[in-house]
Amino acid sequence: MKVLAEIPTQAAPAPRAGTLRRCDLEVFHSLLGELDGSRAVLVLGDAPRRQGVAVGLAAAAAAAGTRTALLECDLGDPSLAEALGLARAPGLHEYLRGEVGADCILESLILAGPGTRAADEPLVCVVAGRPDPDGSTLLGSERFHQAMAKLRRAYELLVLDGLPLNGPAALAAVAAEADATLACVGHADPRPELGVPVTGLVVHD
């Protein structure tokens, strides 16, 4: 499995403020280059690693002027809202249950820091919403498929803050919506064997 990027500890983004440092931009712009042509990128792994990569990719793309949306898909154990300082609900969970419309779940994150002058618009985020132990059913639903189609029409790049490597049954359904899938691992971790195609690895110090 090809290693597409190595993320040093000091390159972890500071997502709460939407701030990207120069080292962040270099790392994540390079990774975006490896994914050239992908309109929807799924990031898998344990929450801290996965989330850092998903936020970094989405923020770097938005900072470069790409119309970008970041979507949290871990309905069972959501954490993106707290990390970014956004409202925890409503989110994807409530939308997929038909409780709210799309306009209620789109939140904006204003980017700051060097290299963000090309950002015409804020990064749009959709958090998971209330925890749902039966989230796999919702992620495998036709409503999720339709939501992804709408997001593809509205944005140039979708970054999916996905699921653990040993994720739920919905992993295949979520991966089917992506053009590229990244697996986040540590240097000493065994290479994952997943039931979905993986474009490459992001290795953390």
Protein backbone atom coordinates (compact mmCIF):
# COMPACT_ATOMS: atom_id res chain seq x y z
CA MET A 1 0.00 0.00 0.00
CA LYS A 2 1.56 3.30 -1.10
CA VAL A 3 2.49 5.96 1.45
CA LEU A 4 1.16 9.27 0.11
CA ALA A 5 2.23 11.50 3.00
CA GLU A 6 4.09 11.49 6.28
CA ILE A 7 2.68 13.84 8.89
CA PRO A 8 5.17 15.07 11.50
CA THR A 9 3.73 15.88 14.91
CA GLN A 10 4.45 19.57 14.53
CA ALA A 11 2.41 19.71 11.31
CA ALA A 12 -0.84 18.87 13.08
CA PRO A 13 -3.30 21.68 12.28
CA ALA A 14 -4.82 23.97 14.88
CA PRO A 15 -8.41 23.42 13.76
CA ARG A 16 -10.31 25.25 16.50
CA ALA A 17 -9.31 28.64 15.15
CA GLY A 18 -9.23 27.52 11.53
CA THR A 19 -5.56 28.43 11.50
CA LEU A 20 -3.10 26.95 9.04
CA ARG A 21 0.63 27.44 9.48
CA ARG A 22 3.07 27.34 6.57
CA CYS A 23 4.21 23.82 7.48
CA ASP A 24 0.57 22.68 7.45
CA LEU A 25 0.01 24.14 4.00
CA GLU A 26 3.10 22.49 2.57
CA VAL A 27 2.17 19.03 3.91
CA PHE A 28 -1.48 19.12 2.91
CA HIS A 29 -1.02 20.82 -0.45
CA SER A 30 1.43 18.06 -1.33
CA LEU A 31 -1.14 15.44 -0.31
CA LEU A 32 -3.83 17.20 -2.35
CA GLY A 33 -1.50 16.97 -5.33
CA GLU A 34 -1.33 13.19 -4.89
CA LEU A 35 -5.15 13.14 -5.01
CA ASP A 36 -5.47 15.34 -8.08
CA GLY A 37 -8.80 14.75 -9.81
CA SER A 38 -10.57 13.34 -6.75
CA ARG A 39 -13.78 15.20 -5.93
CA ALA A 40 -14.57 13.27 -2.73
CA VAL A 41 -11.84 12.04 -0.36
CA LEU A 42 -12.59 9.66 2.53
CA VAL A 43 -10.20 9.67 5.50
CA LEU A 44 -10.13 6.60 7.77
CA GLY A 45 -8.34 5.89 11.04
CA ASP A 46 -8.53 6.60 14.76
CA ALA A 47 -10.26 9.88 15.50
CA PRO A 48 -7.29 12.17 16.33
CA ARG A 49 -5.20 11.12 13.31
CA ARG A 50 -8.12 10.94 10.91
CA GLN A 51 -9.57 14.24 12.01
CA GLY A 52 -6.26 16.08 11.76
CA VAL A 53 -5.79 14.90 8.19
CA ALA A 54 -9.40 15.57 7.16
CA VAL A 55 -9.39 19.09 8.62
CA GLY A 56 -5.94 19.80 7.20
CA LEU A 57 -6.88 18.67 3.70
CA ALA A 58 -10.17 20.56 3.68
CA ALA A 59 -8.68 23.74 5.12
CA ALA A 60 -5.69 23.70 2.74
CA ALA A 61 -8.00 23.25 -0.25
CA ALA A 62 -10.31 26.05 0.89
CA ALA A 63 -7.31 28.30 1.58
CA ALA A 64 -6.22 27.79 -2.04
CA GLY A 65 -9.63 28.95 -3.30
CA THR A 66 -11.28 25.55 -3.84
CA ARG A 67 -14.96 25.47 -2.84
CA THR A 68 -14.74 22.79 -0.15
CA ALA A 69 -17.02 21.00 2.32
CA LEU A 70 -15.93 18.86 5.27
CA LEU A 71 -18.43 16.17 6.29
CA GLU A 72 -18.20 14.14 9.52
CA CYS A 73 -19.42 10.57 8.96
CA ASP A 74 -18.69 8.97 12.35
CA LEU A 75 -22.26 9.12 13.63
CA GLY A 76 -21.57 6.75 16.51
CA ASP A 77 -18.76 8.78 18.09
CA PRO A 78 -18.86 12.37 16.81
CA SER A 79 -16.10 14.78 17.86
CA LEU A 80 -15.61 17.27 15.01
CA ALA A 81 -17.93 19.94 16.45
CA GLU A 82 -15.97 20.11 19.69
CA ALA A 83 -12.63 20.20 17.85
CA LEU A 84 -13.73 23.05 15.58
CA GLY A 85 -15.80 24.98 18.09
CA LEU A 86 -19.01 24.49 16.10
CA ALA A 87 -22.56 23.72 17.21
CA ARG A 88 -22.94 19.99 17.94
CA ALA A 89 -26.42 19.69 16.43
CA PRO A 90 -28.24 19.60 14.15
CA GLY A 91 -25.94 17.67 11.87
CA LEU A 92 -25.80 14.81 9.42
CA HIS A 93 -27.66 12.48 11.81
CA GLU A 94 -30.66 14.81 12.03
CA TYR A 95 -30.63 15.46 8.28
CA LEU A 96 -30.58 11.78 7.39
CA ARG A 97 -33.52 11.20 9.72
CA GLY A 98 -35.46 13.93 7.93
CA GLU A 99 -35.64 16.13 11.02
CA VAL A 100 -33.99 19.19 9.42
CA GLY A 101 -33.20 20.53 5.97
CA ALA A 102 -29.77 20.98 4.41
CA ASP A 103 -29.67 24.70 5.21
CA CYS A 104 -29.75 23.89 8.94
CA ILE A 105 -26.60 21.76 8.99
CA LEU A 106 -24.10 23.81 6.97
CA GLU A 107 -21.67 25.65 9.28
CA SER A 108 -18.85 27.95 8.20
CA LEU A 109 -15.27 27.96 9.48
CA ILE A 110 -13.34 31.14 8.72
CA LEU A 111 -9.73 30.39 7.84
CA ALA A 112 -6.79 32.40 9.11
CA GLY A 113 -3.03 32.36 8.81
CA PRO A 114 -0.49 32.68 6.01
CA GLY A 115 -1.46 31.41 2.60
CA THR A 116 -5.22 31.94 3.00
CA ARG A 117 -5.57 35.06 0.84
CA ALA A 118 -6.90 32.99 -2.06
CA ALA A 119 -9.83 31.75 0.05
CA ASP A 120 -12.91 33.31 -1.51
CA GLU A 121 -15.29 31.59 0.91
CA PRO A 122 -15.11 29.96 4.34
CA LEU A 123 -14.72 26.21 4.70
CA VAL A 124 -18.19 24.65 5.00
CA CYS A 125 -18.55 21.96 7.68
CA VAL A 126 -21.26 19.40 8.39
CA VAL A 127 -20.82 17.78 11.79
CA ALA A 128 -22.30 14.40 12.68
CA GLY A 129 -24.92 15.74 15.10
CA ARG A 130 -26.26 13.75 18.04
CA PRO A 131 -24.50 10.40 18.60
CA ASP A 132 -26.36 7.53 16.97
CA PRO A 133 -25.36 3.94 17.78
CA ASP A 134 -27.32 2.82 14.72
CA GLY A 135 -25.52 5.23 12.40
CA SER A 136 -24.55 2.46 9.98
CA THR A 137 -28.16 2.15 8.86
CA LEU A 138 -28.35 5.86 8.05
CA LEU A 139 -25.02 5.88 6.21
CA GLY A 140 -26.18 2.97 4.09
CA SER A 141 -29.44 4.69 3.20
CA GLU A 142 -30.55 6.19 -0.09
CA ARG A 143 -30.88 9.55 1.68
CA PHE A 144 -27.12 9.53 2.39
CA HIS A 145 -26.41 8.72 -1.25
CA GLN A 146 -28.63 11.61 -2.33
CA ALA A 147 -26.97 13.95 0.17
CA MET A 148 -23.55 13.10 -1.26
CA ALA A 149 -24.82 13.77 -4.80
CA LYS A 150 -26.09 17.21 -3.72
CA LEU A 151 -22.78 18.05 -2.04
CA ARG A 152 -20.86 17.02 -5.16
CA ARG A 153 -22.96 19.43 -7.20
CA ALA A 154 -22.44 22.27 -4.73
CA TYR A 155 -18.72 21.92 -3.96
CA GLU A 156 -15.52 21.30 -5.88
CA LEU A 157 -14.07 19.07 -3.14
CA LEU A 158 -15.67 16.99 -0.39
CA VAL A 159 -13.53 15.69 2.47
CA LEU A 160 -15.19 12.95 4.52
CA ASP A 161 -14.00 12.67 8.12
CA GLY A 162 -14.81 8.99 8.06
CA LEU A 163 -14.63 6.01 10.35
CA PRO A 164 -12.14 3.91 12.32
CA LEU A 165 -10.12 1.38 10.33
CA ASN A 166 -12.17 -1.35 12.02
CA GLY A 167 -15.28 0.70 11.36
CA PRO A 168 -18.90 -0.38 11.26
CA ALA A 169 -20.75 -2.12 8.48
CA ALA A 170 -21.37 1.25 6.82
CA LEU A 171 -17.70 1.54 5.79
CA ALA A 172 -18.34 0.02 2.37
CA ALA A 173 -21.33 2.30 1.76
CA VAL A 174 -19.38 5.43 2.69
CA ALA A 175 -16.31 4.36 0.68
CA ALA A 176 -18.51 3.82 -2.37
CA GLU A 177 -19.29 7.56 -2.33
CA ALA A 178 -15.59 8.55 -2.43
CA ASP A 179 -13.16 8.87 -5.33
CA ALA A 180 -10.15 8.30 -3.07
CA THR A 181 -9.69 6.73 0.37
CA LEU A 182 -6.84 7.47 2.77
CA ALA A 183 -5.93 5.28 5.75
CA CYS A 184 -4.17 7.06 8.64
CA VAL A 185 -1.69 4.93 10.59
CA GLY A 186 1.29 5.32 12.87
CA HIS A 187 4.81 4.34 11.82
CA ALA A 188 4.76 1.25 14.03
CA ASP A 189 1.21 0.20 13.18
CA PRO A 190 0.59 -2.85 10.99
CA ARG A 191 -0.68 -1.99 7.54
CA PRO A 192 -4.47 -2.25 7.57
CA GLU A 193 -6.41 -4.84 5.64
CA LEU A 194 -9.72 -3.25 4.78
CA GLY A 195 -12.67 -4.49 2.80
CA VAL A 196 -12.60 -1.38 0.60
CA PRO A 197 -10.03 -0.07 -1.91
CA VAL A 198 -7.47 2.27 -0.31
CA THR A 199 -5.72 4.88 -2.42
CA GLY A 200 -2.81 5.25 0.00
CA LEU A 201 -1.56 5.69 3.53
CA VAL A 202 -0.95 8.79 5.60
CA VAL A 203 1.71 7.89 8.16
CA HIS A 204 2.06 9.82 11.42
CA ASP A 205 5.17 10.21 13.53
